[in-house]
Amino acid sequence: MYQNKVTLTPQDILEKEFKIDTRGYRLKEVDQFLDIIIGDYEQFLLLLKDSEREKEELLEEIMSLKQEIRNLKMSIEIAKSGDSKEVTNVDVMRRLSQLEKIVYGKDEE
């Protein structure tokens, strides 16, 4: 996701060398500031990786829930379209068992 948008790595920042001028910046201050930037940059990259992983997990869960909804809708339609006008306890138990298999993913036949 972000690999193509992020130009620098923490290692690039660490290894960057600046030309020294006679009136240049204090090297120690620059190094300390770059160390802070490197630490923040590493944390930023970790946060992005964690967010990407979490997003993938949520997408998988969404797909699973959508499939479950489809299965439940199909079961409802099957239950509604029963030919028999008289519903017995056996029919109710059979439908309940089928719904439990769909919801809990059990294949105990």
C-alpha atoms as a PDB file:
ATOM      1  CA  MET A   1       0.000   0.000   0.000  1.00  0.00           C
ATOM      2  CA  TYR A   2       2.505   2.631   1.138  1.00  0.00           C
ATOM      3  CA  GLN A   3       5.686   1.123  -0.392  1.00  0.00           C
ATOM      4  CA  ASN A   4       5.323   3.174  -3.568  1.00  0.00           C
ATOM      5  CA  LYS A   5       4.567   6.413  -1.732  1.00  0.00           C
ATOM      6  CA  VAL A   6       7.280   6.429   0.939  1.00  0.00           C
ATOM      7  CA  THR A   7      10.620   7.520  -0.471  1.00  0.00           C
ATOM      8  CA  LEU A   8      12.976   7.183   2.470  1.00  0.00           C
ATOM      9  CA  THR A   9      13.653   4.309   4.795  1.00  0.00           C
ATOM     10  CA  PRO A  10      15.043   4.744   8.308  1.00  0.00           C
ATOM     11  CA  GLN A  11      18.349   3.407   6.960  1.00  0.00           C
ATOM     12  CA  ASP A  12      18.396   6.098   4.220  1.00  0.00           C
ATOM     13  CA  ILE A  13      17.969   8.780   6.867  1.00  0.00           C
ATOM     14  CA  LEU A  14      20.677   7.238   9.043  1.00  0.00           C
ATOM     15  CA  GLU A  15      23.224   7.014   6.232  1.00  0.00           C
ATOM     16  CA  LYS A  16      22.562  10.474   4.762  1.00  0.00           C
ATOM     17  CA  GLU A  17      25.703  12.622   4.754  1.00  0.00           C
ATOM     18  CA  PHE A  18      25.595  16.362   4.357  1.00  0.00           C
ATOM     19  CA  LYS A  19      28.298  18.516   2.838  1.00  0.00           C
ATOM     20  CA  ILE A  20      30.102  20.516   5.475  1.00  0.00           C
ATOM     21  CA  ASP A  21      30.485  24.217   4.945  1.00  0.00           C
ATOM     22  CA  THR A  22      32.641  26.574   6.977  1.00  0.00           C
ATOM     23  CA  ARG A  23      29.479  28.043   8.434  1.00  0.00           C
ATOM     24  CA  GLY A  24      27.541  24.788   8.558  1.00  0.00           C
ATOM     25  CA  TYR A  25      25.250  23.401  11.205  1.00  0.00           C
ATOM     26  CA  ARG A  26      26.519  21.724  14.326  1.00  0.00           C
ATOM     27  CA  LEU A  27      26.898  18.080  13.386  1.00  0.00           C
ATOM     28  CA  LYS A  28      25.956  16.803  16.824  1.00  0.00           C
ATOM     29  CA  GLU A  29      22.630  18.677  16.750  1.00  0.00           C
ATOM     30  CA  VAL A  30      21.857  17.431  13.242  1.00  0.00           C
ATOM     31  CA  ASP A  31      22.680  13.849  14.238  1.00  0.00           C
ATOM     32  CA  GLN A  32      20.495  14.029  17.352  1.00  0.00           C
ATOM     33  CA  PHE A  33      17.591  15.443  15.382  1.00  0.00           C
ATOM     34  CA  LEU A  34      17.974  12.811  12.664  1.00  0.00           C
ATOM     35  CA  ASP A  35      17.989  10.097  15.351  1.00  0.00           C
ATOM     36  CA  ILE A  36      14.620  11.387  16.555  1.00  0.00           C
ATOM     37  CA  ILE A  37      13.314  11.426  12.968  1.00  0.00           C
ATOM     38  CA  ILE A  38      14.527   7.855  12.402  1.00  0.00           C
ATOM     39  CA  GLY A  39      12.746   6.657  15.554  1.00  0.00           C
ATOM     40  CA  ASP A  40       9.519   8.370  14.551  1.00  0.00           C
ATOM     41  CA  TYR A  41       9.804   7.041  11.015  1.00  0.00           C
ATOM     42  CA  GLU A  42      10.263   3.467  12.248  1.00  0.00           C
ATOM     43  CA  GLN A  43       7.169   3.834  14.473  1.00  0.00           C
ATOM     44  CA  PHE A  44       5.254   5.269  11.527  1.00  0.00           C
ATOM     45  CA  LEU A  45       6.142   2.277   9.359  1.00  0.00           C
ATOM     46  CA  LEU A  46       5.158  -0.156  12.125  1.00  0.00           C
ATOM     47  CA  LEU A  47       1.800   1.585  12.536  1.00  0.00           C
ATOM     48  CA  LEU A  48       1.183   1.360   8.799  1.00  0.00           C
ATOM     49  CA  LYS A  49       2.006  -2.362   8.748  1.00  0.00           C
ATOM     50  CA  ASP A  50      -0.285  -2.990  11.722  1.00  0.00           C
ATOM     51  CA  SER A  51      -3.098  -1.024  10.087  1.00  0.00           C
ATOM     52  CA  GLU A  52      -2.692  -2.956   6.847  1.00  0.00           C
ATOM     53  CA  ARG A  53      -2.799  -6.284   8.699  1.00  0.00           C
ATOM     54  CA  GLU A  54      -5.869  -5.213  10.663  1.00  0.00           C
ATOM     55  CA  LYS A  55      -7.581  -4.061   7.470  1.00  0.00           C
ATOM     56  CA  GLU A  56      -6.972  -7.459   5.837  1.00  0.00           C
ATOM     57  CA  GLU A  57      -8.372  -9.275   8.880  1.00  0.00           C
ATOM     58  CA  LEU A  58     -11.480  -7.077   8.876  1.00  0.00           C
ATOM     59  CA  LEU A  59     -12.014  -7.641   5.151  1.00  0.00           C
ATOM     60  CA  GLU A  60     -11.839 -11.408   5.710  1.00  0.00           C
ATOM     61  CA  GLU A  61     -14.363 -11.121   8.540  1.00  0.00           C
ATOM     62  CA  ILE A  62     -16.685  -9.025   6.360  1.00  0.00           C
ATOM     63  CA  MET A  63     -16.560 -11.620   3.590  1.00  0.00           C
ATOM     64  CA  SER A  64     -17.305 -14.383   6.079  1.00  0.00           C
ATOM     65  CA  LEU A  65     -20.268 -12.491   7.538  1.00  0.00           C
ATOM     66  CA  LYS A  66     -21.652 -11.728   4.082  1.00  0.00           C
ATOM     67  CA  GLN A  67     -21.504 -15.431   3.227  1.00  0.00           C
ATOM     68  CA  GLU A  68     -23.258 -16.256   6.480  1.00  0.00           C
ATOM     69  CA  ILE A  69     -26.013 -13.731   5.674  1.00  0.00           C
ATOM     70  CA  ARG A  70     -26.485 -15.288   2.230  1.00  0.00           C
ATOM     71  CA  ASN A  71     -26.754 -18.748   3.771  1.00  0.00           C
ATOM     72  CA  LEU A  72     -29.266 -17.578   6.373  1.00  0.00           C
ATOM     73  CA  LYS A  73     -31.395 -15.829   3.750  1.00  0.00           C
ATOM     74  CA  MET A  74     -31.407 -19.023   1.701  1.00  0.00           C
ATOM     75  CA  SER A  75     -32.454 -21.027   4.740  1.00  0.00           C
ATOM     76  CA  ILE A  76     -35.270 -18.590   5.447  1.00  0.00           C
ATOM     77  CA  GLU A  77     -36.501 -18.907   1.876  1.00  0.00           C
ATOM     78  CA  ILE A  78     -36.377 -22.688   2.104  1.00  0.00           C
ATOM     79  CA  ALA A  79     -38.291 -22.585   5.375  1.00  0.00           C
ATOM     80  CA  LYS A  80     -40.917 -20.241   3.906  1.00  0.00           C
ATOM     81  CA  SER A  81     -41.424 -22.297   0.773  1.00  0.00           C
ATOM     82  CA  GLY A  82     -42.258 -25.516   2.608  1.00  0.00           C
ATOM     83  CA  ASP A  83     -44.978 -27.463   0.757  1.00  0.00           C
ATOM     84  CA  SER A  84     -46.683 -28.665   3.898  1.00  0.00           C
ATOM     85  CA  LYS A  85     -49.142 -26.242   5.473  1.00  0.00           C
ATOM     86  CA  GLU A  86     -49.000 -28.119   8.713  1.00  0.00           C
ATOM     87  CA  VAL A  87     -45.749 -27.731  10.636  1.00  0.00           C
ATOM     88  CA  THR A  88     -44.874 -30.432  13.119  1.00  0.00           C
ATOM     89  CA  ASN A  89     -42.346 -30.417  15.914  1.00  0.00           C
ATOM     90  CA  VAL A  90     -40.130 -32.677  13.808  1.00  0.00           C
ATOM     91  CA  ASP A  91     -40.126 -30.089  10.992  1.00  0.00           C
ATOM     92  CA  VAL A  92     -39.234 -27.313  13.412  1.00  0.00           C
ATOM     93  CA  MET A  93     -36.417 -29.386  14.926  1.00  0.00           C
ATOM     94  CA  ARG A  94     -35.089 -30.279  11.478  1.00  0.00           C
ATOM     95  CA  ARG A  95     -35.048 -26.606  10.392  1.00  0.00           C
ATOM     96  CA  LEU A  96     -33.434 -25.554  13.638  1.00  0.00           C
ATOM     97  CA  SER A  97     -30.737 -28.168  13.155  1.00  0.00           C
ATOM     98  CA  GLN A  98     -30.056 -26.945   9.622  1.00  0.00           C
ATOM     99  CA  LEU A  99     -29.787 -23.350  10.796  1.00  0.00           C
ATOM    100  CA  GLU A 100     -27.387 -24.339  13.575  1.00  0.00           C
ATOM    101  CA  LYS A 101     -25.194 -26.108  11.037  1.00  0.00           C
ATOM    102  CA  ILE A 102     -25.097 -22.993   8.888  1.00  0.00           C
ATOM    103  CA  VAL A 103     -24.475 -20.595  11.755  1.00  0.00           C
ATOM    104  CA  TYR A 104     -21.917 -22.670  13.633  1.00  0.00           C
ATOM    105  CA  GLY A 105     -20.412 -24.366  10.590  1.00  0.00           C
ATOM    106  CA  LYS A 106     -20.957 -27.872  11.900  1.00  0.00           C
ATOM    107  CA  ASP A 107     -21.341 -30.707   9.418  1.00  0.00           C
ATOM    108  CA  GLU A 108     -22.624 -33.449  11.671  1.00  0.00           C
ATOM    109  CA  GLU A 109     -24.832 -35.478   9.350  1.00  0.00           C
END
